[in-house]
């Protein structure tokens, strides 16, 4: 049996989720990287069901749901008055012993041109310190390990909204496909 109408609705649903997830990444200023480019979907049909499968890089789940930090007090500083906070207290993911990858953070800092500056009151105040991308990577690694990653729900929200919005259309398309293939014979 063919379900052309259902396939069209499932395709629209998949496209909606992918496009909205990518828009959310743009709004979160997390676009232009591997995660943004890896989001896609496929519709698979097996003998009993249609499956809409979504794909993205492995760390997309962590960006979506966030990661609890190991110990926010690790970034407390009396000097600056900074207090560490738990950025994802309800996440099922948590940093325990393993820290985020340093090389990725260094590359990210280079790509976004994030560097340390010379303090006010010192010679060259306000200017960037030389060669500080690696130092910035270490600082980011410590901060993320201690406080975690804030959840963005860039994928979860459009997926849930898509299910809610497209559910009725899926049922109607399924009914239409069944109705169009029924044959009545009078005896």
Foldseek 3Di string as FASTA:
>chain_A
DDQVLLVVLLVVLQVQLLVQLLVLCVVVVNPDDQQNVFWHWDWDDDPPDIDIDITGDPCVVCQAQWEWAQAQQLPQDPVVRDGGAAQRPPGPHYQHPDWPDLVVQLVVCVVVVDADADDPPDPRGPHGDPPGSSVRSVVVRSNCNRRIHHHSNSNVVSNVVSCVVSVVSSVVSRVVVVVVPDDDDDD
